[in-house]
Amino acid sequence: MKLAASLMRRADLQNKINELEIRLRNNARVQEGEKPAEVPADLLKALETAFKEYEALVTAINLTNAQPAEDGQTITARIAHRDALMWKQRVLRGFLNEASILAPRSAKTEIRITSSVDVRKLQRQFDNTAKELRECEEKLQEINWTTELIGL
């Protein structure tokens, strides 16, 4: 199984577990003399099976991500780099938005509001971060679709 397929399976399992939780809650209590819409014991059994599969899959994903690639860098390190770039991009975007807002003046006697940074220079930095993030995402996708999962 390719790493990308296992990531999709992990997402499916997360959704299944969340749905089973809702179904369990919906069938936790019934009016005296009535039967639940679904048998809680069956739902609990399905939940246990899903959690076992999820645990094995996440273990295999983590083991795979910890292996060094051909360039010596692990997938885990690439993911951390991508996450840091995403966070940096969000912070820069917010700061750029604030730095770009200039308060209009209706008279020369009013206080003049200016940007505290060179917005053009910061925009170039933001654009470079966005480019690096795109390239990082592309490399991660490539690795995900070419790497075999370890341990399953």
C-alpha atoms as a PDB file:
ATOM      1  CA  MET A   1       0.000   0.000   0.000  1.00  0.00           C
ATOM      2  CA  LYS A   2       1.303   3.444  -0.883  1.00  0.00           C
ATOM      3  CA  LEU A   3       1.606   6.032   1.867  1.00  0.00           C
ATOM      4  CA  ALA A   4      -0.943   8.291   0.165  1.00  0.00           C
ATOM      5  CA  ALA A   5      -3.539   5.501   0.145  1.00  0.00           C
ATOM      6  CA  SER A   6      -2.908   4.848   3.827  1.00  0.00           C
ATOM      7  CA  LEU A   7      -3.457   8.544   4.595  1.00  0.00           C
ATOM      8  CA  MET A   8      -6.800   8.412   2.813  1.00  0.00           C
ATOM      9  CA  ARG A   9      -7.698   5.229   4.712  1.00  0.00           C
ATOM     10  CA  ARG A  10      -6.750   6.934   7.978  1.00  0.00           C
ATOM     11  CA  ALA A  11      -9.133   9.813   7.182  1.00  0.00           C
ATOM     12  CA  ASP A  12     -11.888   7.310   6.362  1.00  0.00           C
ATOM     13  CA  LEU A  13     -11.323   5.532   9.677  1.00  0.00           C
ATOM     14  CA  GLN A  14     -11.420   8.822  11.579  1.00  0.00           C
ATOM     15  CA  ASN A  15     -14.790   9.597   9.963  1.00  0.00           C
ATOM     16  CA  LYS A  16     -16.081   6.088  10.683  1.00  0.00           C
ATOM     17  CA  ILE A  17     -15.061   6.310  14.351  1.00  0.00           C
ATOM     18  CA  ASN A  18     -16.738   9.720  14.671  1.00  0.00           C
ATOM     19  CA  GLU A  19     -19.923   8.356  13.083  1.00  0.00           C
ATOM     20  CA  LEU A  20     -19.906   5.307  15.373  1.00  0.00           C
ATOM     21  CA  GLU A  21     -19.555   7.614  18.373  1.00  0.00           C
ATOM     22  CA  ILE A  22     -22.642   9.566  17.286  1.00  0.00           C
ATOM     23  CA  ARG A  23     -24.594   6.377  16.640  1.00  0.00           C
ATOM     24  CA  LEU A  24     -23.610   5.015  20.057  1.00  0.00           C
ATOM     25  CA  ARG A  25     -24.783   8.177  21.763  1.00  0.00           C
ATOM     26  CA  ASN A  26     -28.043   8.095  19.817  1.00  0.00           C
ATOM     27  CA  ASN A  27     -28.677   4.556  21.068  1.00  0.00           C
ATOM     28  CA  ALA A  28     -27.439   4.951  24.648  1.00  0.00           C
ATOM     29  CA  ARG A  29     -30.902   5.345  26.159  1.00  0.00           C
ATOM     30  CA  VAL A  30     -34.402   4.332  25.190  1.00  0.00           C
ATOM     31  CA  GLN A  31     -37.795   4.606  26.716  1.00  0.00           C
ATOM     32  CA  GLU A  32     -38.657   1.733  29.013  1.00  0.00           C
ATOM     33  CA  GLY A  33     -40.113  -1.138  27.004  1.00  0.00           C
ATOM     34  CA  GLU A  34     -38.606   0.124  23.712  1.00  0.00           C
ATOM     35  CA  LYS A  35     -35.590  -1.138  21.789  1.00  0.00           C
ATOM     36  CA  PRO A  36     -32.779   1.068  20.460  1.00  0.00           C
ATOM     37  CA  ALA A  37     -32.682   1.721  16.716  1.00  0.00           C
ATOM     38  CA  GLU A  38     -29.303  -0.066  16.612  1.00  0.00           C
ATOM     39  CA  VAL A  39     -27.837  -2.655  18.943  1.00  0.00           C
ATOM     40  CA  PRO A  40     -25.177  -0.895  21.058  1.00  0.00           C
ATOM     41  CA  ALA A  41     -23.143  -4.112  21.444  1.00  0.00           C
ATOM     42  CA  ASP A  42     -22.800  -4.326  17.644  1.00  0.00           C
ATOM     43  CA  LEU A  43     -21.763  -0.682  17.452  1.00  0.00           C
ATOM     44  CA  LEU A  44     -19.203  -1.177  20.242  1.00  0.00           C
ATOM     45  CA  LYS A  45     -17.774  -4.181  18.402  1.00  0.00           C
ATOM     46  CA  ALA A  46     -17.502  -2.144  15.187  1.00  0.00           C
ATOM     47  CA  LEU A  47     -15.860   0.674  17.152  1.00  0.00           C
ATOM     48  CA  GLU A  48     -13.298  -1.699  18.668  1.00  0.00           C
ATOM     49  CA  THR A  49     -12.442  -3.079  15.219  1.00  0.00           C
ATOM     50  CA  ALA A  50     -12.088   0.426  13.773  1.00  0.00           C
ATOM     51  CA  PHE A  51      -9.809   1.534  16.615  1.00  0.00           C
ATOM     52  CA  LYS A  52      -7.557  -1.518  16.178  1.00  0.00           C
ATOM     53  CA  GLU A  53      -7.247  -0.862  12.442  1.00  0.00           C
ATOM     54  CA  TYR A  54      -6.661   2.841  13.073  1.00  0.00           C
ATOM     55  CA  GLU A  55      -3.905   2.137  15.604  1.00  0.00           C
ATOM     56  CA  ALA A  56      -2.108  -0.296  13.274  1.00  0.00           C
ATOM     57  CA  LEU A  57      -2.404   2.087  10.338  1.00  0.00           C
ATOM     58  CA  VAL A  58      -1.133   5.130  12.261  1.00  0.00           C
ATOM     59  CA  THR A  59       1.777   3.065  13.593  1.00  0.00           C
ATOM     60  CA  ALA A  60       2.715   2.065  10.043  1.00  0.00           C
ATOM     61  CA  ILE A  61       2.357   5.665   8.806  1.00  0.00           C
ATOM     62  CA  ASN A  62       4.552   6.975  11.629  1.00  0.00           C
ATOM     63  CA  LEU A  63       7.209   4.304  11.033  1.00  0.00           C
ATOM     64  CA  THR A  64       7.205   5.136   7.335  1.00  0.00           C
ATOM     65  CA  ASN A  65       7.408   8.877   7.986  1.00  0.00           C
ATOM     66  CA  ALA A  66      10.399   8.363  10.287  1.00  0.00           C
ATOM     67  CA  GLN A  67      12.496   6.613   7.619  1.00  0.00           C
ATOM     68  CA  PRO A  68      15.078   8.767   5.830  1.00  0.00           C
ATOM     69  CA  ALA A  69      14.379   9.325   2.126  1.00  0.00           C
ATOM     70  CA  GLU A  70      16.986   9.259  -0.644  1.00  0.00           C
ATOM     71  CA  ASP A  71      18.133  12.762   0.322  1.00  0.00           C
ATOM     72  CA  GLY A  72      18.454  11.775   3.990  1.00  0.00           C
ATOM     73  CA  GLN A  73      15.485  13.832   5.153  1.00  0.00           C
ATOM     74  CA  THR A  74      12.520  12.103   6.788  1.00  0.00           C
ATOM     75  CA  ILE A  75       8.905  12.680   5.806  1.00  0.00           C
ATOM     76  CA  THR A  76       8.311  13.769   9.407  1.00  0.00           C
ATOM     77  CA  ALA A  77      10.881  16.556   8.978  1.00  0.00           C
ATOM     78  CA  ARG A  78       9.232  17.604   5.709  1.00  0.00           C
ATOM     79  CA  ILE A  79       5.823  17.700   7.400  1.00  0.00           C
ATOM     80  CA  ALA A  80       7.217  19.835  10.241  1.00  0.00           C
ATOM     81  CA  HIS A  81       8.780  22.191   7.689  1.00  0.00           C
ATOM     82  CA  ARG A  82       5.481  22.441   5.794  1.00  0.00           C
ATOM     83  CA  ASP A  83       3.542  23.136   9.000  1.00  0.00           C
ATOM     84  CA  ALA A  84       6.007  25.860   9.996  1.00  0.00           C
ATOM     85  CA  LEU A  85       5.727  27.445   6.539  1.00  0.00           C
ATOM     86  CA  MET A  86       1.925  27.391   6.747  1.00  0.00           C
ATOM     87  CA  TRP A  87       2.016  29.089  10.127  1.00  0.00           C
ATOM     88  CA  LYS A  88       4.584  31.639   8.947  1.00  0.00           C
ATOM     89  CA  GLN A  89       2.444  32.400   5.891  1.00  0.00           C
ATOM     90  CA  ARG A  90      -0.659  32.937   8.046  1.00  0.00           C
ATOM     91  CA  VAL A  91       1.203  35.311  10.393  1.00  0.00           C
ATOM     92  CA  LEU A  92       2.765  37.255   7.506  1.00  0.00           C
ATOM     93  CA  ARG A  93      -0.593  37.516   5.742  1.00  0.00           C
ATOM     94  CA  GLY A  94      -2.226  38.981   8.840  1.00  0.00           C
ATOM     95  CA  PHE A  95       0.628  41.414   9.419  1.00  0.00           C
ATOM     96  CA  LEU A  96       0.633  42.466   5.759  1.00  0.00           C
ATOM     97  CA  ASN A  97      -3.094  43.100   5.881  1.00  0.00           C
ATOM     98  CA  GLU A  98      -2.662  45.359   8.903  1.00  0.00           C
ATOM     99  CA  ALA A  99       0.424  47.119   7.537  1.00  0.00           C
ATOM    100  CA  SER A 100      -1.336  47.831   4.241  1.00  0.00           C
ATOM    101  CA  ILE A 101      -4.266  49.695   5.812  1.00  0.00           C
ATOM    102  CA  LEU A 102      -3.668  53.423   5.809  1.00  0.00           C
ATOM    103  CA  ALA A 103      -6.115  55.707   7.579  1.00  0.00           C
ATOM    104  CA  PRO A 104      -7.468  58.433   5.290  1.00  0.00           C
ATOM    105  CA  ARG A 105      -7.163  62.044   6.426  1.00  0.00           C
ATOM    106  CA  SER A 106      -9.699  64.711   5.617  1.00  0.00           C
ATOM    107  CA  ALA A 107      -7.531  67.585   6.869  1.00  0.00           C
ATOM    108  CA  LYS A 108      -3.783  68.176   7.080  1.00  0.00           C
ATOM    109  CA  THR A 109      -4.093  68.675  10.836  1.00  0.00           C
ATOM    110  CA  GLU A 110      -5.217  65.105  11.460  1.00  0.00           C
ATOM    111  CA  ILE A 111      -2.721  62.499  12.605  1.00  0.00           C
ATOM    112  CA  ARG A 112      -1.093  60.696   9.738  1.00  0.00           C
ATOM    113  CA  ILE A 113      -0.995  56.884   9.964  1.00  0.00           C
ATOM    114  CA  THR A 114       1.773  55.103   8.059  1.00  0.00           C
ATOM    115  CA  SER A 115       3.001  51.577   7.789  1.00  0.00           C
ATOM    116  CA  SER A 116       5.758  50.516  10.174  1.00  0.00           C
ATOM    117  CA  VAL A 117       7.412  48.283   7.541  1.00  0.00           C
ATOM    118  CA  ASP A 118       8.252  48.229   3.858  1.00  0.00           C
ATOM    119  CA  VAL A 119       5.081  46.516   2.632  1.00  0.00           C
ATOM    120  CA  ARG A 120       6.527  45.709  -0.812  1.00  0.00           C
ATOM    121  CA  LYS A 121       9.557  44.014   0.710  1.00  0.00           C
ATOM    122  CA  LEU A 122       7.388  42.067   3.139  1.00  0.00           C
ATOM    123  CA  GLN A 123       5.064  41.091   0.266  1.00  0.00           C
ATOM    124  CA  ARG A 124       8.053  39.628  -1.599  1.00  0.00           C
ATOM    125  CA  GLN A 125       8.958  37.668   1.534  1.00  0.00           C
ATOM    126  CA  PHE A 126       5.367  36.437   1.754  1.00  0.00           C
ATOM    127  CA  ASP A 127       5.419  35.442  -1.932  1.00  0.00           C
ATOM    128  CA  ASN A 128       8.701  33.551  -1.432  1.00  0.00           C
ATOM    129  CA  THR A 129       7.213  31.723   1.564  1.00  0.00           C
ATOM    130  CA  ALA A 130       4.129  30.839  -0.480  1.00  0.00           C
ATOM    131  CA  LYS A 131       6.325  29.481  -3.279  1.00  0.00           C
ATOM    132  CA  GLU A 132       8.413  27.443  -0.842  1.00  0.00           C
ATOM    133  CA  LEU A 133       5.206  26.069   0.709  1.00  0.00           C
ATOM    134  CA  ARG A 134       3.843  25.042  -2.714  1.00  0.00           C
ATOM    135  CA  GLU A 135       7.105  23.272  -3.558  1.00  0.00           C
ATOM    136  CA  CYS A 136       7.144  21.563  -0.174  1.00  0.00           C
ATOM    137  CA  GLU A 137       3.537  20.373  -0.646  1.00  0.00           C
ATOM    138  CA  GLU A 138       4.345  19.080  -4.140  1.00  0.00           C
ATOM    139  CA  LYS A 139       7.341  17.117  -2.834  1.00  0.00           C
ATOM    140  CA  LEU A 140       5.299  15.650   0.009  1.00  0.00           C
ATOM    141  CA  GLN A 141       2.579  14.574  -2.434  1.00  0.00           C
ATOM    142  CA  GLU A 142       5.177  12.990  -4.704  1.00  0.00           C
ATOM    143  CA  ILE A 143       6.697  11.104  -1.774  1.00  0.00           C
ATOM    144  CA  ASN A 144       3.273  10.002  -0.527  1.00  0.00           C
ATOM    145  CA  TRP A 145       2.397   8.469  -3.888  1.00  0.00           C
ATOM    146  CA  THR A 146       5.746   6.728  -4.389  1.00  0.00           C
ATOM    147  CA  THR A 147       6.542   5.470  -0.882  1.00  0.00           C
ATOM    148  CA  GLU A 148       5.467   2.026   0.243  1.00  0.00           C
ATOM    149  CA  LEU A 149       3.976   1.800   3.714  1.00  0.00           C
ATOM    150  CA  ILE A 150       6.152   0.001   6.279  1.00  0.00           C
ATOM    151  CA  GLY A 151       4.700  -2.565   8.663  1.00  0.00           C
ATOM    152  CA  LEU A 152       1.295  -3.467   7.225  1.00  0.00           C
END
